[in-house]
Amino acid sequence: MVTLLETLRLVTLALGCLLVDCEKSSDPWYLRETHAPCLWGEEFTTDEPGSSHGYSTCGLRQLRPLKWDVEGRTPCVVYSFGCDGEYSFERSIAAIHGANCEIHIFDPLEPGVPIEDALADLDVKAFFHQTSLLDFDGQALLKPWNHMGEVSSETKTLTTIMEELGHSHIDVLKIDIEGHEHRVFSHLAEVGWPSMPGQVYLEVHKAPGFHRYDEQYVDRLISTLERADLQLFKAERPPRWCQASCVQLSFIHRDWRPEPGPYPAAGGWLKQEYYISHDWAAIKYHVYGNSTDTSAADVREMFHLSRPGGAYPAVRPGSAFNAMWMAENTGFATLLKGCCNLQRVRGWREDWIRSIKLVGTQGKESVPLGDVEPGGFVVFLIEVDVPRDAPRGFHASRWQMQTVGGTAVGQAMEVAVRVL
C-alpha cells in the first residue's frame, strides 16, 4: 500500500520532470530524492538579478511574530558563511523577518560596501566578521572563490564562533565556502555539533570544477548531516554560477518548529568508526652514512630491511634515516579529508624530526589520505636527522595517528634505533 507521504514524493518528482527533462539530466544530485517535505511553505530567498545566493527555505516567515522586545524570548540567529560582498541572501532574510533576526556574515575578504550601508534600508541587526569557517582555529591560505588566488585568512570552528558571540543556538546556517564544507562537516561529525541549527542551506562543491570531490564525497556529506537529525528537503542547481560543479541543498531539523531554537546538540560519531591496524612486522629502516645530506653522491645506505625479531638498526651521530611502515584502515569509515595526522607521543627530541609524511593507497593506486576506504592502507614515512650530540644507546619514539579533533586512531607505533 502506497502511503500518503510516498504519493506526495512521487507527485513532486513528476512535477519536477515536467519542468526539467529527467532523462537528460546528467547530474544525479539535481533531482536527488529528498526525505522531508516542507509543511510550512517553501520560499526562495532572493530574486535579485545576477545573484548566486538564493536558497530554498521552509516556513521561515512563520517566525515573523517573534520580536526583539518580547520579554524572556531570544530572537532568531542567522549565520551566513561566504558572501563575497553580495548580500542578497541576507537582504531576503531581513525582508522576511524585519527586525526579528540577528544576522552574522562571515567572509575572508573585507566587503567593498560596509554591511551597515548595504542593509541600511532594512530594519535588521547585522554584523560582519572577517574570518573563515574551517575545522581548526588559526590561520590558513584559502581561496575565497575557486577562480581567485589564495589569501591569508583567520579561521575558526563553529564551536569557537558561537562561544565568542555568546550564542546558544543557530536558527539559520548558510554555508558557501568553496569546497571547504567537506572539511567542516567531517570535523563536526567527529567532535559533535555545539548546537543543532533549525535549518541549513548549503552550496556543495563537487567535480568537475572541484575535481577533489566526486559524487562519493557529496553523498557522504549528506549522510553526515542526516545522521545529525537534519533532513534534506530540497536539492537544486545554483541560479547563476557554478551550475555544473555545485548543488544547493536545504536541510531542516526533524524537530523544527516555527520559533527560535535551540535544538539538542548532536554528538560526534565519526571518531567511533575510525580505526587503523599497524603492520608491526614490516617497518622498514633506510639508514644513511655520517652525512645528513641525503642527496649527496657519497651517501651510503647501511640498512633497508624489515625489522627481524625486534632488532633495530644502528646509527651514528650525524647520520640520517627514514622509518616507513603501513597501516590498514580496519574501521567502518573512509578517512575523510583533513581527518588525521601523525603525532609524536614521546621519545626523540623535536630536532631529530626532519619531516613526517602520510600517503594513502587503495588497491594498487595511490590516493589522497581522505580517500582511504576500509581495506585501504596508510603509508607513514618519518625522516630523521640524528643529532651529532645524540648519546649512545637505545632511542625509542612512540607515534600515534590522531584526528584533527585529537582523537587517537588505532594503537600507537614504536620506532627505535641504536646510536653507536
Foldseek 3Di string as FASTA:
>chain_A
DQDPVNVVQVVVLVVVCVVPVVVPDPDCLASPRFDDAQPQDWDWQADDPPDQDIDIDGNQLLLQVAAPPDPPADAAEEEAEADQQPCSNVLSSQVSRQARYAYEYEALDDHPDDPCVVCVVTRYHYYYDNAHEALDFDWDFADSELPDGTDIGTYDHPVVVCVVVVHQAHAEYEDDRHARVLRNLLSCLAAWDSFDYQKYKYKHFAPDSPPLHHPVSVVVSQVSVVVFQWTWHHKHARPDPPRVGIIITMTGHPPHDNHHDTDHIGGHDVLVQWAKAWPQQAKWKFWWALACPPVDPPTDTDGTGGQPPNDAAEYEANIKMKIKTKIAGQGQFQQAVQFKDKDWPDWDDPQFWDDKDKWWDDDHDTDHSRGRHHGIMIMIMTITGHHNPDDFAKTKIKMFMATPVGHTHYDIHMHIYGYD
